[in-house]
């Protein structure tokens, strides 16, 4: 019953696997930090998180920050 405020995913190239394994209907953190080696605005990560209601906020080094809207 507790809400998750922040989730950080940095799994050395396995980040999408980790994200796909989450039950998004049960666990939808307000903020997501995810390592992303792609410089593309329409990266697989961006497309994936957008479908669950996340909006890109900023990039910090190799980490993308998303907010649930």
N, C-alpha and C. Protein backbone atom coordinates (compact mmCIF):
# COMPACT_ATOMS: atom_id res chain seq x y z
N UNK A 1 0.79 -1.20 0.00
CA UNK A 1 0.00 0.00 0.00
C UNK A 1 0.84 1.26 0.00
N UNK A 2 2.16 1.15 0.11
CA UNK A 2 3.01 2.35 0.11
C UNK A 2 3.32 2.78 -1.31
N UNK A 3 3.35 4.09 -1.53
CA UNK A 3 3.73 4.62 -2.82
C UNK A 3 5.25 4.66 -2.94
N UNK A 4 5.74 4.48 -4.15
CA UNK A 4 7.17 4.57 -4.41
C UNK A 4 7.42 5.94 -5.01
N UNK A 5 8.29 6.72 -4.38
CA UNK A 5 8.59 8.06 -4.87
C UNK A 5 9.67 8.05 -5.94
N UNK A 6 10.69 7.21 -5.78
CA UNK A 6 11.84 7.24 -6.68
C UNK A 6 12.33 5.82 -6.96
N UNK A 7 12.62 5.57 -8.25
CA UNK A 7 13.22 4.30 -8.64
C UNK A 7 14.41 4.63 -9.52
N UNK A 8 15.55 4.05 -9.23
CA UNK A 8 16.76 4.26 -10.01
C UNK A 8 17.20 2.92 -10.59
N UNK A 9 17.38 2.89 -11.92
CA UNK A 9 17.78 1.66 -12.60
C UNK A 9 19.10 1.91 -13.32
N UNK A 10 20.13 1.17 -12.92
CA UNK A 10 21.44 1.24 -13.56
C UNK A 10 22.02 -0.17 -13.51
N UNK A 11 21.72 -0.94 -14.55
CA UNK A 11 22.05 -2.37 -14.54
C UNK A 11 23.00 -2.76 -15.66
N UNK A 12 23.89 -1.85 -16.00
CA UNK A 12 24.97 -2.13 -16.96
C UNK A 12 24.50 -2.86 -18.21
N UNK A 13 23.59 -2.22 -18.92
CA UNK A 13 23.14 -2.76 -20.19
C UNK A 13 21.90 -3.64 -20.12
N UNK A 14 21.42 -3.90 -18.92
CA UNK A 14 20.23 -4.74 -18.76
C UNK A 14 19.04 -3.92 -18.25
N UNK A 15 19.11 -2.62 -18.44
CA UNK A 15 18.08 -1.72 -17.90
C UNK A 15 16.68 -2.01 -18.47
N UNK A 16 16.58 -2.24 -19.77
CA UNK A 16 15.28 -2.52 -20.37
C UNK A 16 14.70 -3.83 -19.84
N UNK A 17 15.53 -4.82 -19.61
CA UNK A 17 15.05 -6.08 -19.04
C UNK A 17 14.45 -5.84 -17.66
N UNK A 18 15.13 -5.03 -16.87
CA UNK A 18 14.63 -4.71 -15.52
C UNK A 18 13.31 -3.97 -15.62
N UNK A 19 13.23 -2.97 -16.49
CA UNK A 19 11.99 -2.21 -16.64
C UNK A 19 10.85 -3.09 -17.12
N UNK A 20 11.11 -3.97 -18.06
CA UNK A 20 10.07 -4.87 -18.57
C UNK A 20 9.57 -5.83 -17.49
N UNK A 21 10.41 -6.15 -16.50
CA UNK A 21 10.03 -7.10 -15.46
C UNK A 21 9.12 -6.48 -14.40
N UNK A 22 8.99 -5.17 -14.38
CA UNK A 22 8.16 -4.50 -13.37
C UNK A 22 6.68 -4.67 -13.67
N UNK A 23 5.87 -4.79 -12.65
CA UNK A 23 4.41 -4.78 -12.79
C UNK A 23 3.97 -3.33 -12.64
N UNK A 24 3.83 -2.63 -13.77
CA UNK A 24 3.56 -1.20 -13.76
C UNK A 24 2.18 -0.86 -13.21
N UNK A 25 1.27 -1.81 -13.19
CA UNK A 25 -0.05 -1.56 -12.60
C UNK A 25 0.03 -1.52 -11.08
N UNK A 26 1.06 -2.11 -10.51
CA UNK A 26 1.24 -2.12 -9.05
C UNK A 26 2.32 -1.14 -8.59
N UNK A 27 3.39 -1.01 -9.37
CA UNK A 27 4.53 -0.22 -8.95
C UNK A 27 4.86 0.83 -10.00
N UNK A 28 4.40 2.05 -9.77
CA UNK A 28 4.65 3.18 -10.67
C UNK A 28 5.23 4.34 -9.88
N UNK A 29 6.56 4.38 -9.75
CA UNK A 29 7.19 5.44 -8.98
C UNK A 29 6.93 6.81 -9.59
N UNK A 30 6.92 7.82 -8.76
CA UNK A 30 6.70 9.20 -9.23
C UNK A 30 7.85 9.66 -10.11
N UNK A 31 9.08 9.31 -9.74
CA UNK A 31 10.27 9.68 -10.51
C UNK A 31 11.06 8.44 -10.86
N UNK A 32 11.56 8.41 -12.10
CA UNK A 32 12.40 7.31 -12.57
C UNK A 32 13.73 7.87 -13.02
N UNK A 33 14.83 7.26 -12.57
CA UNK A 33 16.17 7.57 -13.06
C UNK A 33 16.67 6.30 -13.73
N UNK A 34 17.02 6.41 -15.02
CA UNK A 34 17.41 5.22 -15.77
C UNK A 34 18.63 5.53 -16.62
N UNK A 35 19.65 4.66 -16.50
CA UNK A 35 20.83 4.82 -17.35
C UNK A 35 20.42 4.60 -18.80
N UNK A 36 20.89 5.50 -19.68
CA UNK A 36 20.51 5.42 -21.09
C UNK A 36 21.71 5.82 -21.94
N UNK A 37 22.27 4.88 -22.68
CA UNK A 37 23.43 5.15 -23.52
C UNK A 37 23.04 5.70 -24.88
N UNK A 38 21.76 5.70 -25.20
CA UNK A 38 21.29 6.24 -26.47
C UNK A 38 21.12 7.75 -26.34
N UNK A 39 21.50 8.47 -27.37
CA UNK A 39 21.32 9.93 -27.38
C UNK A 39 20.02 10.32 -28.08
N UNK A 40 19.27 9.35 -28.57
CA UNK A 40 18.08 9.59 -29.35
C UNK A 40 16.89 9.97 -28.48
N UNK A 41 16.10 10.93 -28.93
CA UNK A 41 14.89 11.33 -28.23
C UNK A 41 13.84 10.21 -28.27
N UNK A 42 13.87 9.39 -29.31
CA UNK A 42 12.90 8.32 -29.42
C UNK A 42 13.52 6.95 -29.16
N UNK A 43 14.38 6.91 -28.16
CA UNK A 43 15.04 5.67 -27.79
C UNK A 43 14.02 4.64 -27.29
N UNK A 44 14.42 3.40 -27.26
CA UNK A 44 13.55 2.33 -26.77
C UNK A 44 13.08 2.64 -25.35
N UNK A 45 13.96 3.18 -24.55
CA UNK A 45 13.63 3.55 -23.17
C UNK A 45 12.54 4.61 -23.13
N UNK A 46 12.71 5.65 -23.93
CA UNK A 46 11.73 6.75 -23.99
C UNK A 46 10.36 6.23 -24.41
N UNK A 47 10.33 5.44 -25.46
CA UNK A 47 9.07 4.89 -25.96
C UNK A 47 8.42 4.01 -24.90
N UNK A 48 9.21 3.19 -24.23
CA UNK A 48 8.69 2.28 -23.22
C UNK A 48 8.06 3.05 -22.05
N UNK A 49 8.80 4.00 -21.49
CA UNK A 49 8.29 4.72 -20.32
C UNK A 49 7.11 5.63 -20.66
N UNK A 50 7.10 6.18 -21.86
CA UNK A 50 5.99 7.04 -22.28
C UNK A 50 4.67 6.27 -22.26
N UNK A 51 4.71 5.00 -22.65
CA UNK A 51 3.46 4.22 -22.66
C UNK A 51 2.89 4.01 -21.27
N UNK A 52 3.69 4.21 -20.23
CA UNK A 52 3.22 4.07 -18.85
C UNK A 52 2.99 5.42 -18.19
N UNK A 53 2.97 6.49 -18.98
CA UNK A 53 2.62 7.81 -18.46
C UNK A 53 3.77 8.66 -17.98
N UNK A 54 5.00 8.28 -18.32
CA UNK A 54 6.17 9.05 -17.89
C UNK A 54 6.56 10.09 -18.93
N UNK A 55 7.07 11.20 -18.44
CA UNK A 55 7.50 12.31 -19.28
C UNK A 55 8.96 12.61 -18.97
N UNK A 56 9.78 12.72 -20.03
CA UNK A 56 11.19 13.04 -19.87
C UNK A 56 11.35 14.43 -19.27
N UNK A 57 12.23 14.53 -18.24
CA UNK A 57 12.50 15.82 -17.60
C UNK A 57 13.87 16.35 -17.99
N UNK A 58 14.91 15.54 -17.75
CA UNK A 58 16.27 16.00 -18.04
C UNK A 58 17.22 14.82 -18.11
N UNK A 59 18.43 15.11 -18.52
CA UNK A 59 19.49 14.10 -18.60
C UNK A 59 20.64 14.55 -17.70
N UNK A 60 21.11 13.64 -16.86
CA UNK A 60 22.23 13.90 -15.96
C UNK A 60 23.32 12.89 -16.27
N UNK A 61 24.30 13.29 -17.06
CA UNK A 61 25.33 12.34 -17.50
C UNK A 61 24.70 11.31 -18.40
N UNK A 62 24.75 10.05 -18.01
CA UNK A 62 24.11 8.97 -18.77
C UNK A 62 22.74 8.60 -18.21
N UNK A 63 22.25 9.36 -17.25
CA UNK A 63 20.99 9.04 -16.59
C UNK A 63 19.88 9.96 -17.06
N UNK A 64 18.78 9.35 -17.52
CA UNK A 64 17.60 10.10 -17.90
C UNK A 64 16.65 10.14 -16.70
N UNK A 65 16.01 11.30 -16.52
CA UNK A 65 15.06 11.48 -15.42
C UNK A 65 13.66 11.63 -16.02
N UNK A 66 12.73 10.82 -15.51
CA UNK A 66 11.35 10.84 -15.97
C UNK A 66 10.42 11.06 -14.79
N UNK A 67 9.30 11.74 -15.08
CA UNK A 67 8.28 12.00 -14.07
C UNK A 67 6.97 11.40 -14.52
N UNK A 68 6.26 10.76 -13.59
CA UNK A 68 4.94 10.20 -13.89
C UNK A 68 3.93 11.34 -13.93
N UNK A 69 3.17 11.37 -14.99
CA UNK A 69 2.15 12.45 -15.12
C UNK A 69 0.77 11.89 -15.05
